N, C-alpha and C. Protein backbone atom coordinates (compact mmCIF):
# COMPACT_ATOMS: atom_id res chain seq x y z
N MET A 1 -44.21 -12.91 32.82
CA MET A 1 -44.28 -14.03 32.15
C MET A 1 -42.78 -13.84 31.35
N LEU A 2 -42.22 -14.75 31.82
CA LEU A 2 -41.40 -15.52 30.61
C LEU A 2 -41.53 -16.48 29.39
N ARG A 3 -41.01 -16.47 28.39
CA ARG A 3 -41.21 -17.22 27.62
C ARG A 3 -40.31 -18.10 27.25
N ARG A 4 -40.68 -19.38 27.11
CA ARG A 4 -39.57 -20.28 26.65
C ARG A 4 -39.04 -20.45 25.11
N ARG A 5 -37.75 -20.20 25.03
CA ARG A 5 -37.32 -20.18 24.11
C ARG A 5 -37.45 -21.48 23.07
N ALA A 6 -37.78 -21.12 21.97
CA ALA A 6 -38.01 -22.32 20.86
C ALA A 6 -36.75 -23.18 20.60
N PRO A 7 -36.57 -24.40 20.68
CA PRO A 7 -35.69 -25.43 20.20
C PRO A 7 -34.87 -24.74 19.02
N GLY A 8 -33.40 -24.62 18.88
CA GLY A 8 -32.80 -23.93 17.84
C GLY A 8 -32.89 -22.64 18.02
N GLN A 9 -33.50 -21.85 18.07
CA GLN A 9 -33.32 -20.11 18.30
C GLN A 9 -31.69 -19.69 18.18
N ALA A 10 -31.12 -19.97 18.89
CA ALA A 10 -29.67 -19.65 19.18
C ALA A 10 -29.04 -20.16 18.10
N LEU A 11 -29.03 -21.46 17.28
CA LEU A 11 -28.44 -21.71 16.06
C LEU A 11 -28.99 -21.03 14.85
N VAL A 12 -30.17 -20.20 14.57
CA VAL A 12 -30.72 -19.56 13.78
C VAL A 12 -30.09 -18.14 14.07
N LEU A 13 -29.58 -17.57 15.19
CA LEU A 13 -29.10 -16.36 15.43
C LEU A 13 -27.75 -16.45 14.85
N VAL A 14 -27.08 -17.71 15.61
CA VAL A 14 -25.47 -17.63 15.23
C VAL A 14 -25.66 -17.66 13.34
N ALA A 15 -26.24 -18.71 13.10
CA ALA A 15 -26.21 -18.94 11.53
C ALA A 15 -26.31 -17.19 10.64
N LEU A 16 -27.08 -16.42 11.46
CA LEU A 16 -27.52 -15.30 10.90
C LEU A 16 -26.42 -14.21 11.06
N LEU A 17 -25.38 -14.28 12.22
CA LEU A 17 -24.85 -13.32 12.74
C LEU A 17 -23.23 -13.50 12.28
N LEU A 18 -23.08 -14.95 12.19
CA LEU A 18 -21.96 -15.31 11.67
C LEU A 18 -20.83 -15.03 10.66
N PRO A 19 -21.68 -15.11 9.64
CA PRO A 19 -21.44 -14.06 8.14
C PRO A 19 -21.14 -12.91 8.41
N VAL A 20 -21.80 -11.65 8.96
CA VAL A 20 -21.31 -10.90 9.53
C VAL A 20 -20.22 -10.28 10.20
N ILE A 21 -19.82 -11.35 11.20
CA ILE A 21 -18.99 -11.04 12.00
C ILE A 21 -17.74 -11.96 11.31
N ILE A 22 -17.75 -12.67 10.12
CA ILE A 22 -16.64 -13.28 9.64
C ILE A 22 -16.22 -12.22 8.57
N GLY A 23 -17.21 -11.22 8.15
CA GLY A 23 -16.82 -10.62 6.92
C GLY A 23 -16.29 -9.27 7.52
N LEU A 24 -16.42 -8.63 8.35
CA LEU A 24 -16.19 -7.63 9.68
C LEU A 24 -14.48 -8.22 9.87
N TRP A 25 -14.00 -9.24 10.19
CA TRP A 25 -12.69 -9.80 10.75
C TRP A 25 -12.29 -9.93 9.55
N LEU A 26 -12.83 -9.84 7.90
CA LEU A 26 -12.15 -10.30 6.80
C LEU A 26 -11.44 -8.56 6.03
N GLN A 27 -12.87 -7.78 6.50
CA GLN A 27 -12.19 -6.45 6.38
C GLN A 27 -11.40 -6.07 6.96
N ALA A 28 -11.02 -6.46 8.51
CA ALA A 28 -10.02 -5.58 9.33
C ALA A 28 -8.82 -6.44 8.29
N ILE A 29 -8.43 -7.40 8.26
CA ILE A 29 -7.23 -7.78 7.52
C ILE A 29 -7.01 -7.23 6.54
N GLU A 30 -7.74 -7.08 5.79
CA GLU A 30 -7.37 -6.48 4.36
C GLU A 30 -7.14 -4.93 4.78
N LEU A 31 -8.17 -4.31 5.69
CA LEU A 31 -7.24 -2.80 5.86
C LEU A 31 -6.07 -3.04 6.37
N ALA A 32 -5.52 -3.73 7.59
CA ALA A 32 -4.48 -3.72 8.09
C ALA A 32 -3.47 -4.32 7.25
N TRP A 33 -3.34 -5.09 6.05
CA TRP A 33 -2.55 -5.14 4.70
C TRP A 33 -2.47 -4.15 3.90
N ARG A 34 -3.44 -3.53 3.43
CA ARG A 34 -3.32 -2.21 2.83
C ARG A 34 -2.73 -1.05 3.75
N VAL A 35 -2.81 -0.73 4.64
CA VAL A 35 -1.96 -0.05 5.66
C VAL A 35 -0.20 -0.28 5.65
N THR A 36 -0.47 -1.51 5.65
CA THR A 36 1.05 -2.01 5.75
C THR A 36 1.69 -2.24 4.53
N THR A 37 0.86 -2.18 3.09
CA THR A 37 1.49 -1.62 1.72
C THR A 37 1.91 -0.21 1.86
N ALA A 38 0.85 0.65 2.20
CA ALA A 38 1.09 1.99 1.90
C ALA A 38 2.27 2.15 2.93
N GLN A 39 2.34 2.06 3.97
CA GLN A 39 3.42 2.54 4.69
C GLN A 39 5.10 1.70 3.91
N ALA A 40 4.99 0.52 3.21
CA ALA A 40 6.07 0.36 3.07
C ALA A 40 6.24 0.90 1.70
N VAL A 41 5.60 1.30 0.76
CA VAL A 41 5.67 2.47 -0.26
C VAL A 41 6.11 3.75 0.19
N THR A 42 5.47 4.30 1.18
CA THR A 42 6.16 5.51 1.96
C THR A 42 7.62 5.22 2.15
N ASP A 43 8.21 4.25 2.83
CA ASP A 43 9.29 3.99 3.21
C ASP A 43 10.34 3.97 2.51
N ALA A 44 9.70 3.26 0.90
CA ALA A 44 11.00 3.46 -0.17
C ALA A 44 10.97 4.06 -0.47
N LEU A 45 9.89 5.33 -0.94
CA LEU A 45 10.16 6.63 -1.49
C LEU A 45 10.67 7.72 -0.48
N ARG A 46 10.65 7.59 0.64
CA ARG A 46 11.62 8.08 1.83
C ARG A 46 13.03 7.88 1.53
N ALA A 47 13.54 6.66 1.37
CA ALA A 47 14.87 6.07 1.09
C ALA A 47 15.31 6.87 -0.29
N ALA A 48 14.41 6.48 -0.97
CA ALA A 48 15.04 6.73 -2.68
C ALA A 48 15.32 8.20 -2.72
N ASN A 49 14.37 8.89 -1.93
CA ASN A 49 14.67 10.51 -1.86
C ASN A 49 16.09 10.72 -1.11
N ARG A 50 16.03 10.12 -0.29
CA ARG A 50 17.38 10.57 0.79
C ARG A 50 18.48 10.48 0.08
N SER A 51 18.51 9.01 -0.67
CA SER A 51 19.77 8.63 -1.61
C SER A 51 19.74 9.61 -2.65
N ALA A 52 19.04 10.00 -3.36
CA ALA A 52 18.81 11.15 -4.34
C ALA A 52 19.34 12.34 -3.88
N VAL A 53 19.28 13.18 -2.56
CA VAL A 53 19.70 14.25 -1.90
C VAL A 53 21.02 13.84 -1.70
N GLN A 54 21.55 12.77 -1.33
CA GLN A 54 22.93 12.54 -0.67
C GLN A 54 23.40 12.56 -1.95
N THR A 55 23.71 11.98 -2.84
CA THR A 55 24.27 12.12 -3.94
C THR A 55 24.28 12.96 -5.25
N PHE A 56 23.30 14.00 -4.87
CA PHE A 56 22.81 15.32 -5.79
C PHE A 56 24.35 15.92 -5.82
N ASP A 57 24.85 16.26 -6.88
CA ASP A 57 26.01 17.35 -7.01
C ASP A 57 25.59 18.76 -7.27
N TYR A 58 25.73 19.26 -6.09
CA TYR A 58 25.46 20.50 -5.87
C TYR A 58 25.96 21.50 -6.60
N ALA A 59 27.29 21.54 -6.37
CA ALA A 59 28.41 22.31 -7.04
C ALA A 59 27.95 22.28 -8.58
N ALA A 60 27.83 21.56 -9.26
CA ALA A 60 27.39 21.27 -10.45
C ALA A 60 26.31 21.95 -11.04
N PHE A 61 25.19 21.68 -10.00
CA PHE A 61 23.88 22.52 -10.29
C PHE A 61 24.39 24.11 -9.84
N ALA A 62 25.07 24.73 -9.03
CA ALA A 62 25.15 25.64 -8.80
C ALA A 62 25.90 26.26 -10.09
N GLU A 63 26.73 25.92 -10.79
CA GLU A 63 27.49 26.83 -12.20
C GLU A 63 26.76 26.16 -13.42
N ASN A 64 25.50 25.59 -13.34
CA ASN A 64 24.46 24.92 -14.12
C ASN A 64 25.33 24.21 -15.33
N ARG A 65 25.93 23.37 -14.63
CA ARG A 65 26.59 22.23 -15.43
C ARG A 65 26.13 20.96 -15.45
N LEU A 66 24.80 20.93 -15.28
CA LEU A 66 24.01 19.48 -14.88
C LEU A 66 23.15 19.43 -16.44
N ALA A 67 23.31 18.40 -17.11
CA ALA A 67 22.65 17.86 -18.19
C ALA A 67 21.56 16.96 -18.40
N LEU A 68 20.86 17.43 -19.12
CA LEU A 68 20.11 15.81 -19.36
C LEU A 68 20.61 14.74 -19.73
N ALA A 69 20.31 13.41 -19.51
CA ALA A 69 21.03 12.47 -20.33
C ALA A 69 20.80 12.26 -21.54
N ALA A 70 21.63 11.62 -22.13
CA ALA A 70 21.39 11.70 -24.08
C ALA A 70 20.53 10.73 -23.96
N PRO A 71 19.58 11.52 -25.04
CA PRO A 71 18.55 10.97 -25.78
C PRO A 71 18.59 9.68 -26.33
N ASP A 72 19.59 9.07 -26.70
CA ASP A 72 19.90 7.77 -27.23
C ASP A 72 19.75 6.85 -26.16
N ALA A 73 20.37 7.15 -24.73
CA ALA A 73 20.08 6.47 -23.62
C ALA A 73 18.60 6.36 -23.27
N VAL A 74 17.94 7.20 -23.10
CA VAL A 74 16.74 7.49 -22.62
C VAL A 74 15.79 6.88 -23.68
N ILE A 75 15.90 6.81 -24.48
CA ILE A 75 15.23 5.79 -25.87
C ILE A 75 15.49 4.56 -25.60
N ALA A 76 16.56 4.17 -25.44
CA ALA A 76 16.90 2.58 -25.24
C ALA A 76 16.08 2.10 -23.61
N VAL A 77 16.14 3.03 -22.70
CA VAL A 77 15.63 2.61 -21.80
C VAL A 77 13.97 2.52 -21.97
N ALA A 78 13.45 3.16 -22.55
CA ALA A 78 11.81 3.34 -22.73
C ALA A 78 11.61 2.22 -23.58
N ARG A 79 12.14 1.72 -24.20
CA ARG A 79 12.23 0.71 -25.25
C ARG A 79 12.34 -0.74 -24.41
N ARG A 80 13.41 -0.92 -23.72
CA ARG A 80 13.39 -1.59 -22.55
C ARG A 80 11.83 -1.95 -21.87
N ILE A 81 11.53 -0.90 -21.40
CA ILE A 81 10.31 -0.93 -20.34
C ILE A 81 8.88 -1.28 -21.14
N LEU A 82 8.85 -0.45 -22.50
CA LEU A 82 8.06 -0.78 -23.29
C LEU A 82 7.94 -2.25 -23.88
């Protein structure tokens, strides 16, 4: 025996499922945004590391001639940042 559906039953199902489907869709968009941002940060860090390695003075390092920055310069930068 087949039962007849009540009028408006499909509308109720859509009303119940649509927020869930939209929520999942928005979560997928946010996840994609976060993955893209994380990848951009990773790429920037790799580029900075590559630049630091390419400009490092290995001869001065081998002869122990590398010195820390002047304390006054470090304090001035810290004050600008804070």
